[in-house]
PDB file of N, CA and C in Angstrom:
ATOM      1  N   MET A   1     143.220 217.890  43.804  1.00  0.00           N
ATOM      2  CA  MET A   1     142.787 219.398  43.989  1.00  0.00           C
ATOM      3  C   MET A   1     141.681 219.562  42.920  1.00  0.00           C
ATOM      4  N   ILE A   2     140.798 220.081  43.417  1.00  0.00           N
ATOM      5  CA  ILE A   2     138.870 220.078  42.699  1.00  0.00           C
ATOM      6  C   ILE A   2     138.757 221.618  41.916  1.00  0.00           C
ATOM      7  N   THR A   3     138.878 221.969  40.975  1.00  0.00           N
ATOM      8  CA  THR A   3     139.121 223.395  40.444  1.00  0.00           C
ATOM      9  C   THR A   3     137.800 224.040  41.017  1.00  0.00           C
ATOM     10  N   GLN A   4     136.565 223.242  41.537  1.00  0.00           N
ATOM     11  CA  GLN A   4     135.720 224.108  41.794  1.00  0.00           C
ATOM     12  C   GLN A   4     135.805 224.342  43.205  1.00  0.00           C
ATOM     13  N   ASP A   5     136.357 223.849  44.114  1.00  0.00           N
ATOM     14  CA  ASP A   5     136.780 223.889  45.462  1.00  0.00           C
ATOM     15  C   ASP A   5     137.576 224.927  45.628  1.00  0.00           C
ATOM     16  N   ILE A   6     138.516 225.321  44.317  1.00  0.00           N
ATOM     17  CA  ILE A   6     139.509 226.378  44.000  1.00  0.00           C
ATOM     18  C   ILE A   6     138.720 227.569  44.213  1.00  0.00           C
ATOM     19  N   VAL A   7     137.524 227.792  43.189  1.00  0.00           N
ATOM     20  CA  VAL A   7     136.733 228.689  42.742  1.00  0.00           C
ATOM     21  C   VAL A   7     135.780 228.870  44.306  1.00  0.00           C
ATOM     22  N   ARG A   8     135.630 228.208  44.999  1.00  0.00           N
ATOM     23  CA  ARG A   8     134.807 228.639  46.288  1.00  0.00           C
ATOM     24  C   ARG A   8     135.653 229.161  46.862  1.00  0.00           C
ATOM     25  N   LYS A   9     136.761 228.800  47.092  1.00  0.00           N
ATOM     26  CA  LYS A   9     137.838 229.488  48.071  1.00  0.00           C
ATOM     27  C   LYS A   9     138.290 231.209  47.402  1.00  0.00           C
ATOM     28  N   LEU A  10     138.314 230.943  46.327  1.00  0.00           N
ATOM     29  CA  LEU A  10     138.597 232.170  45.888  1.00  0.00           C
ATOM     30  C   LEU A  10     137.533 233.297  45.938  1.00  0.00           C
ATOM     31  N   TRP A  11     136.023 232.826  46.150  1.00  0.00           N
ATOM     32  CA  TRP A  11     134.799 233.710  46.016  1.00  0.00           C
ATOM     33  C   TRP A  11     135.023 234.147  47.612  1.00  0.00           C
ATOM     34  N   ASP A  12     135.138 233.254  48.233  1.00  0.00           N
ATOM     35  CA  ASP A  12     135.420 233.265  50.207  1.00  0.00           C
ATOM     36  C   ASP A  12     136.360 234.311  50.543  1.00  0.00           C
ATOM     37  N   GLU A  13     137.121 234.433  49.703  1.00  0.00           N
ATOM     38  CA  GLU A  13     138.562 235.235  50.025  1.00  0.00           C
ATOM     39  C   GLU A  13     138.931 236.033  49.515  1.00  0.00           C
ATOM     40  N   ALA A  14     137.893 236.473  48.652  1.00  0.00           N
ATOM     41  CA  ALA A  14     137.763 237.923  48.090  1.00  0.00           C
ATOM     42  C   ALA A  14     137.712 238.999  48.619  1.00  0.00           C
ATOM     43  N   GLY A  15     139.089 239.942  48.617  1.00  0.00           N
ATOM     44  CA  GLY A  15     139.248 241.436  49.410  1.00  0.00           C
ATOM     45  C   GLY A  15     139.971 240.581  51.127  1.00  0.00           C
ATOM     46  N   TYR A  16     140.270 239.588  50.924  1.00  0.00           N
ATOM     47  CA  TYR A  16     141.080 239.601  52.200  1.00  0.00           C
ATOM     48  C   TYR A  16     142.276 239.139  52.107  1.00  0.00           C
ATOM     49  N   GLY A  17     142.962 238.192  50.658  1.00  0.00           N
ATOM     50  CA  GLY A  17     144.385 238.205  50.610  1.00  0.00           C
ATOM     51  C   GLY A  17     144.100 237.292  48.892  1.00  0.00           C
ATOM     52  N   ASN A  18     145.493 236.955  48.511  1.00  0.00           N
ATOM     53  CA  ASN A  18     145.675 235.809  47.462  1.00  0.00           C
ATOM     54  C   ASN A  18     145.616 234.376  47.836  1.00  0.00           C
ATOM     55  N   LEU A  19     145.287 233.644  47.206  1.00  0.00           N
ATOM     56  CA  LEU A  19     145.307 232.290  47.531  1.00  0.00           C
ATOM     57  C   LEU A  19     146.862 231.556  47.285  1.00  0.00           C
ATOM     58  N   ALA A  20     147.578 231.059  47.872  1.00  0.00           N
ATOM     59  CA  ALA A  20     148.554 230.243  47.425  1.00  0.00           C
ATOM     60  C   ALA A  20     148.344 228.604  47.546  1.00  0.00           C
ATOM     61  N   ILE A  21     148.579 228.271  46.057  1.00  0.00           N
ATOM     62  CA  ILE A  21     148.170 226.499  45.921  1.00  0.00           C
ATOM     63  C   ILE A  21     149.826 225.895  45.832  1.00  0.00           C
ATOM     64  N   TRP A  22     150.064 225.094  46.645  1.00  0.00           N
ATOM     65  CA  TRP A  22     150.827 224.452  47.040  1.00  0.00           C
ATOM     66  C   TRP A  22     150.829 223.184  46.403  1.00  0.00           C
ATOM     67  N   GLU A  23     152.162 222.355  46.337  1.00  0.00           N
ATOM     68  CA  GLU A  23     152.427 221.172  45.922  1.00  0.00           C
ATOM     69  C   GLU A  23     151.673 220.105  46.586  1.00  0.00           C
ATOM     70  N   ASN A  24     151.472 220.264  47.969  1.00  0.00           N
ATOM     71  CA  ASN A  24     151.210 219.261  48.775  1.00  0.00           C
ATOM     72  C   ASN A  24     149.468 219.512  48.883  1.00  0.00           C
ATOM     73  N   ASP A  25     148.953 219.938  47.444  1.00  0.00           N
ATOM     74  CA  ASP A  25     147.310 220.471  47.391  1.00  0.00           C
ATOM     75  C   ASP A  25     146.618 221.132  48.393  1.00  0.00           C
ATOM     76  N   THR A  26     147.079 221.747  49.173  1.00  0.00           N
ATOM     77  CA  THR A  26     146.804 222.787  50.490  1.00  0.00           C
ATOM     78  C   THR A  26     146.628 224.362  49.542  1.00  0.00           C
ATOM     79  N   ILE A  27     146.075 224.749  49.986  1.00  0.00           N
ATOM     80  CA  ILE A  27     145.410 226.130  49.775  1.00  0.00           C
ATOM     81  C   ILE A  27     145.479 227.540  50.939  1.00  0.00           C
ATOM     82  N   THR A  28     146.211 228.005  51.151  1.00  0.00           N
ATOM     83  CA  THR A  28     146.814 228.969  52.103  1.00  0.00           C
ATOM     84  C   THR A  28     146.533 230.552  51.325  1.00  0.00           C
ATOM     85  N   VAL A  29     145.566 231.283  52.373  1.00  0.00           N
ATOM     86  CA  VAL A  29     145.326 232.555  52.177  1.00  0.00           C
ATOM     87  C   VAL A  29     146.614 233.529  52.285  1.00  0.00           C
ATOM     88  N   VAL A  30     147.370 234.445  51.643  1.00  0.00           N
ATOM     89  CA  VAL A  30     148.609 235.057  51.286  1.00  0.00           C
ATOM     90  C   VAL A  30     148.063 236.307  51.530  1.00  0.00           C
ATOM     91  N   PRO A  31     149.083 237.347  52.095  1.00  0.00           N
ATOM     92  CA  PRO A  31     148.837 239.138  51.781  1.00  0.00           C
ATOM     93  C   PRO A  31     149.129 239.104  50.334  1.00  0.00           C
ATOM     94  N   SER A  32     148.451 240.628  50.250  1.00  0.00           N
ATOM     95  CA  SER A  32     148.650 240.841  48.420  1.00  0.00           C
ATOM     96  C   SER A  32     149.871 240.767  48.324  1.00  0.00           C
ATOM     97  N   ASP A  33     151.125 241.457  49.307  1.00  0.00           N
ATOM     98  CA  ASP A  33     152.189 241.624  49.215  1.00  0.00           C
ATOM     99  C   ASP A  33     153.310 240.506  49.376  1.00  0.00           C
ATOM    100  N   TYR A  34     152.351 239.384  49.418  1.00  0.00           N
ATOM    101  CA  TYR A  34     153.596 238.067  49.898  1.00  0.00           C
ATOM    102  C   TYR A  34     154.633 238.023  48.823  1.00  0.00           C
ATOM    103  N   CYS A  35     155.673 237.670  49.386  1.00  0.00           N
ATOM    104  CA  CYS A  35     156.694 237.969  48.388  1.00  0.00           C
ATOM    105  C   CYS A  35     156.846 236.298  47.601  1.00  0.00           C
ATOM    106  N   GLY A  36     156.199 235.321  47.938  1.00  0.00           N
ATOM    107  CA  GLY A  36     156.188 234.272  47.318  1.00  0.00           C
ATOM    108  C   GLY A  36     156.866 233.068  47.615  1.00  0.00           C
ATOM    109  N   GLU A  37     157.523 232.834  49.233  1.00  0.00           N
ATOM    110  CA  GLU A  37     158.255 231.967  49.573  1.00  0.00           C
ATOM    111  C   GLU A  37     158.116 231.986  50.958  1.00  0.00           C
ATOM    112  N   THR A  38     157.678 230.803  51.525  1.00  0.00           N
ATOM    113  CA  THR A  38     157.384 230.453  52.834  1.00  0.00           C
ATOM    114  C   THR A  38     158.419 229.595  53.573  1.00  0.00           C
ATOM    115  N   ALA A  39     159.033 229.612  54.502  1.00  0.00           N
ATOM    116  CA  ALA A  39     160.355 228.351  54.848  1.00  0.00           C
ATOM    117  C   ALA A  39     160.819 227.956  54.181  1.00  0.00           C
ATOM    118  N   GLY A  40     161.477 228.613  52.938  1.00  0.00           N
ATOM    119  CA  GLY A  40     162.044 228.272  51.788  1.00  0.00           C
ATOM    120  C   GLY A  40     161.184 227.431  50.466  1.00  0.00           C
ATOM    121  N   LYS A  41     160.516 227.260  50.611  1.00  0.00           N
ATOM    122  CA  LYS A  41     159.613 226.863  50.236  1.00  0.00           C
ATOM    123  C   LYS A  41     158.495 227.975  49.308  1.00  0.00           C
ATOM    124  N   LYS A  42     157.870 227.352  47.967  1.00  0.00           N
ATOM    125  CA  LYS A  42     157.301 228.454  46.794  1.00  0.00           C
ATOM    126  C   LYS A  42     156.066 227.436  46.705  1.00  0.00           C
ATOM    127  N   PRO A  43     154.965 228.563  46.478  1.00  0.00           N
ATOM    128  CA  PRO A  43     153.817 227.612  46.229  1.00  0.00           C
ATOM    129  C   PRO A  43     154.039 227.548  44.618  1.00  0.00           C
ATOM    130  N   LEU A  44     152.810 226.275  43.953  1.00  0.00           N
ATOM    131  CA  LEU A  44     152.854 226.220  42.549  1.00  0.00           C
ATOM    132  C   LEU A  44     152.277 227.495  42.020  1.00  0.00           C
ATOM    133  N   VAL A  45     151.314 228.321  42.400  1.00  0.00           N
ATOM    134  CA  VAL A  45     150.835 229.603  41.990  1.00  0.00           C
ATOM    135  C   VAL A  45     150.342 230.369  42.991  1.00  0.00           C
ATOM    136  N   ILE A  46     149.860 231.327  42.508  1.00  0.00           N
ATOM    137  CA  ILE A  46     149.560 232.693  43.397  1.00  0.00           C
ATOM    138  C   ILE A  46     148.302 232.976  42.719  1.00  0.00           C
ATOM    139  N   LEU A  47     147.073 232.489  43.171  1.00  0.00           N
ATOM    140  CA  LEU A  47     146.076 233.104  42.649  1.00  0.00           C
ATOM    141  C   LEU A  47     145.493 234.370  43.334  1.00  0.00           C
ATOM    142  N   LYS A  48     144.808 235.620  42.210  1.00  0.00           N
ATOM    143  CA  LYS A  48     144.661 236.744  42.531  1.00  0.00           C
ATOM    144  C   LYS A  48     142.836 236.485  42.568  1.00  0.00           C
ATOM    145  N   PRO A  49     142.094 236.311  44.002  1.00  0.00           N
ATOM    146  CA  PRO A  49     140.686 236.401  43.461  1.00  0.00           C
ATOM    147  C   PRO A  49     140.006 237.454  43.183  1.00  0.00           C
ATOM    148  N   ILE A  50     140.147 238.722  43.093  1.00  0.00           N
ATOM    149  CA  ILE A  50     139.379 239.896  42.521  1.00  0.00           C
ATOM    150  C   ILE A  50     139.272 239.658  41.189  1.00  0.00           C
ATOM    151  N   PRO A  51     140.185 239.869  40.706  1.00  0.00           N
ATOM    152  CA  PRO A  51     140.194 239.833  39.179  1.00  0.00           C
ATOM    153  C   PRO A  51     139.609 238.284  38.441  1.00  0.00           C
ATOM    154  N   LEU A  52     139.600 237.338  39.396  1.00  0.00           N
ATOM    155  CA  LEU A  52     139.183 236.012  38.524  1.00  0.00           C
ATOM    156  C   LEU A  52     137.699 236.015  39.031  1.00  0.00           C
ATOM    157  N   VAL A  53     137.409 236.290  40.607  1.00  0.00           N
ATOM    158  CA  VAL A  53     135.609 235.719  40.590  1.00  0.00           C
ATOM    159  C   VAL A  53     135.023 236.935  40.622  1.00  0.00           C
ATOM    160  N   ASN A  54     135.634 238.139  40.676  1.00  0.00           N
ATOM    161  CA  ASN A  54     135.158 239.717  40.932  1.00  0.00           C
ATOM    162  C   ASN A  54     133.915 239.770  40.011  1.00  0.00           C
ATOM    163  N   GLN A  55     134.030 239.377  38.745  1.00  0.00           N
ATOM    164  CA  GLN A  55     133.512 239.797  37.471  1.00  0.00           C
ATOM    165  C   GLN A  55     131.710 239.223  37.196  1.00  0.00           C
ATOM    166  N   PHE A  56     131.756 238.362  38.296  1.00  0.00           N
ATOM    167  CA  PHE A  56     130.608 237.285  38.630  1.00  0.00           C
ATOM    168  C   PHE A  56     129.418 237.718  39.337  1.00  0.00           C
ATOM    169  N   GLU A  57     128.492 237.586  39.491  1.00  0.00           N
ATOM    170  CA  GLU A  57     127.326 238.437  39.735  1.00  0.00           C
ATOM    171  C   GLU A  57     127.174 237.272  41.525  1.00  0.00           C
ATOM    172  N   HIS A  58     127.191 236.143  40.912  1.00  0.00           N
ATOM    173  CA  HIS A  58     126.548 235.051  41.792  1.00  0.00           C
ATOM    174  C   HIS A  58     127.855 234.163  41.873  1.00  0.00           C
ATOM    175  N   LEU A  59     128.000 232.889  43.130  1.00  0.00           N
ATOM    176  CA  LEU A  59     129.180 232.204  42.541  1.00  0.00           C
ATOM    177  C   LEU A  59     128.900 231.018  41.667  1.00  0.00           C
ATOM    178  N   ALA A  60     127.652 230.865  41.878  1.00  0.00           N
ATOM    179  CA  ALA A  60     127.153 229.702  40.937  1.00  0.00           C
ATOM    180  C   ALA A  60     127.818 229.932  39.119  1.00  0.00           C
ATOM    181  N   PHE A  61     127.526 231.471  38.527  1.00  0.00           N
ATOM    182  CA  PHE A  61     128.072 231.611  37.465  1.00  0.00           C
ATOM    183  C   PHE A  61     129.736 231.657  37.428  1.00  0.00           C
ATOM    184  N   ALA A  62     130.254 231.981  38.843  1.00  0.00           N
ATOM    185  CA  ALA A  62     132.003 231.161  38.739  1.00  0.00           C
ATOM    186  C   ALA A  62     132.190 229.727  38.402  1.00  0.00           C
ATOM    187  N   LEU A  63     131.755 229.194  39.035  1.00  0.00           N
ATOM    188  CA  LEU A  63     131.377 227.649  39.573  1.00  0.00           C
ATOM    189  C   LEU A  63     131.395 227.028  38.018  1.00  0.00           C
ATOM    190  N   ASN A  64     130.408 227.989  36.873  1.00  0.00           N
ATOM    191  CA  ASN A  64     130.179 227.161  35.709  1.00  0.00           C
ATOM    192  C   ASN A  64     130.509 227.804  34.462  1.00  0.00           C
ATOM    193  N   ASP A  65     131.493 228.819  34.935  1.00  0.00           N
ATOM    194  CA  ASP A  65     132.409 229.192  33.306  1.00  0.00           C
ATOM    195  C   ASP A  65     133.323 228.713  33.478  1.00  0.00           C
ATOM    196  N   GLU A  66     133.010 228.169  31.939  1.00  0.00           N
ATOM    197  CA  GLU A  66     134.702 227.368  31.180  1.00  0.00           C
ATOM    198  C   GLU A  66     135.868 228.156  31.416  1.00  0.00           C
ATOM    199  N   GLU A  67     135.537 229.146  30.879  1.00  0.00           N
ATOM    200  CA  GLU A  67     137.281 230.190  30.675  1.00  0.00           C
ATOM    201  C   GLU A  67     137.734 230.116  32.207  1.00  0.00           C
ATOM    202  N   LEU A  68     136.719 230.470  33.447  1.00  0.00           N
ATOM    203  CA  LEU A  68     137.696 231.032  34.578  1.00  0.00           C
ATOM    204  C   LEU A  68     138.277 229.395  35.020  1.00  0.00           C
ATOM    205  N   LEU A  69     137.613 228.193  34.520  1.00  0.00           N
ATOM    206  CA  LEU A  69     137.683 226.997  35.071  1.00  0.00           C
ATOM    207  C   LEU A  69     138.745 226.525  34.626  1.00  0.00           C
ATOM    208  N   LEU A  70     139.195 226.904  33.328  1.00  0.00           N
ATOM    209  CA  LEU A  70     140.221 226.463  32.115  1.00  0.00           C
ATOM    210  C   LEU A  70     141.415 227.370  32.610  1.00  0.00           C
ATOM    211  N   LYS A  71     141.434 228.530  33.332  1.00  0.00           N
ATOM    212  CA  LYS A  71     142.167 229.623  33.552  1.00  0.00           C
ATOM    213  C   LYS A  71     143.128 229.103  34.631  1.00  0.00           C
ATOM    214  N   ILE A  72     142.650 228.774  35.577  1.00  0.00           N
ATOM    215  CA  ILE A  72     142.659 228.085  37.316  1.00  0.00           C
ATOM    216  C   ILE A  72     143.436 226.775  36.593  1.00  0.00           C
ATOM    217  N   GLU A  73     142.756 225.787  36.004  1.00  0.00           N
ATOM    218  CA  GLU A  73     143.162 224.542  35.965  1.00  0.00           C
ATOM    219  C   GLU A  73     144.677 224.427  34.858  1.00  0.00           C
ATOM    220  N   ASP A  74     144.654 225.537  33.890  1.00  0.00           N
ATOM    221  CA  ASP A  74     146.174 225.751  33.262  1.00  0.00           C
ATOM    222  C   ASP A  74     147.248 226.409  34.048  1.00  0.00           C
ATOM    223  N   ALA A  75     146.786 227.295  34.801  1.00  0.00           N
ATOM    224  CA  ALA A  75     147.834 227.692  35.738  1.00  0.00           C
ATOM    225  C   ALA A  75     148.461 226.764  36.549  1.00  0.00           C
ATOM    226  N   ILE A  76     147.630 226.026  37.191  1.00  0.00           N
ATOM    227  CA  ILE A  76     148.519 225.272  38.197  1.00  0.00           C
ATOM    228  C   ILE A  76     148.934 223.501  37.322  1.00  0.00           C
ATOM    229  N   ARG A  77     148.325 223.555  36.299  1.00  0.00           N
ATOM    230  CA  ARG A  77     148.773 222.297  35.325  1.00  0.00           C
ATOM    231  C   ARG A  77     150.063 222.700  34.868  1.00  0.00           C
ATOM    232  N   SER A  78     150.386 223.802  34.658  1.00  0.00           N
ATOM    233  CA  SER A  78     151.684 224.443  33.910  1.00  0.00           C
ATOM    234  C   SER A  78     152.741 224.582  34.750  1.00  0.00           C
ATOM    235  N   ALA A  79     152.315 224.586  36.152  1.00  0.00           N
ATOM    236  CA  ALA A  79     153.171 224.553  37.173  1.00  0.00           C
ATOM    237  C   ALA A  79     153.821 223.756  38.213  1.00  0.00           C
ATOM    238  N   GLY A  80     153.389 222.304  37.575  1.00  0.00           N
ATOM    239  CA  GLY A  80     153.179 221.204  37.636  1.00  0.00           C
ATOM    240  C   GLY A  80     152.395 220.508  39.037  1.00  0.00           C
ATOM    241  N   GLY A  81     151.635 221.126  38.864  1.00  0.00           N
ATOM    242  CA  GLY A  81     150.319 220.728  39.610  1.00  0.00           C
ATOM    243  C   GLY A  81     149.461 219.968  39.270  1.00  0.00           C
ATOM    244  N   LYS A  82     148.516 218.909  40.015  1.00  0.00           N
ATOM    245  CA  LYS A  82     147.406 218.039  39.499  1.00  0.00           C
ATOM    246  C   LYS A  82     145.699 219.169  39.790  1.00  0.00           C
ATOM    247  N   VAL A  83     145.292 218.833  39.434  1.00  0.00           N
ATOM    248  CA  VAL A  83     143.328 219.498  39.574  1.00  0.00           C
ATOM    249  C   VAL A  83     142.642 218.406  38.413  1.00  0.00           C
ATOM    250  N   VAL A  84     141.624 218.600  39.348  1.00  0.00           N
ATOM    251  CA  VAL A  84     140.474 217.837  37.880  1.00  0.00           C
ATOM    252  C   VAL A  84     139.212 219.162  38.662  1.00  0.00           C
ATOM    253  N   ARG A  85     138.685 218.499  37.551  1.00  0.00           N
ATOM    254  CA  ARG A  85     137.044 219.094  37.151  1.00  0.00           C
ATOM    255  C   ARG A  85     136.142 218.791  37.869  1.00  0.00           C
ATOM    256  N   GLY A  86     135.267 219.225  39.120  1.00  0.00           N
ATOM    257  CA  GLY A  86     134.064 218.211  39.577  1.00  0.00           C
ATOM    258  C   GLY A  86     132.894 218.400  38.876  1.00  0.00           C
ATOM    259  N   PRO A  87     132.374 217.450  39.147  1.00  0.00           N
ATOM    260  CA  PRO A  87     130.949 217.685  38.658  1.00  0.00           C
ATOM    261  C   PRO A  87     129.825 219.095  38.485  1.00  0.00           C
ATOM    262  N   ARG A  88     129.606 219.710  37.932  1.00  0.00           N
ATOM    263  CA  ARG A  88     128.830 220.709  37.900  1.00  0.00           C
ATOM    264  C   ARG A  88     127.662 220.022  38.106  1.00  0.00           C
ATOM    265  N   VAL A  89     127.090 221.466  38.605  1.00  0.00           N
ATOM    266  CA  VAL A  89     125.674 221.494  39.703  1.00  0.00           C
ATOM    267  C   VAL A  89     124.540 222.507  38.266  1.00  0.00           C
TER     268      VAL A  89
END
């Protein structure tokens, strides 16, 4: 899973729901009142787009913000997931 791909998805889904990051490297949009379990499985983390990316005026700023990238990476890694940072553009 690539951190910048997650940021892009957060940006695209802001206002539509939260993102569930799963152990198999999939990302799904879940409602804001999601209970945290689907078919007996729990996601690694649930990321809330608005608090994470709404502070940025442009997607490019979010994609290159060290603090945001670290926050996402730390959350996923501390839950046992794997994430790598893609090249910055």
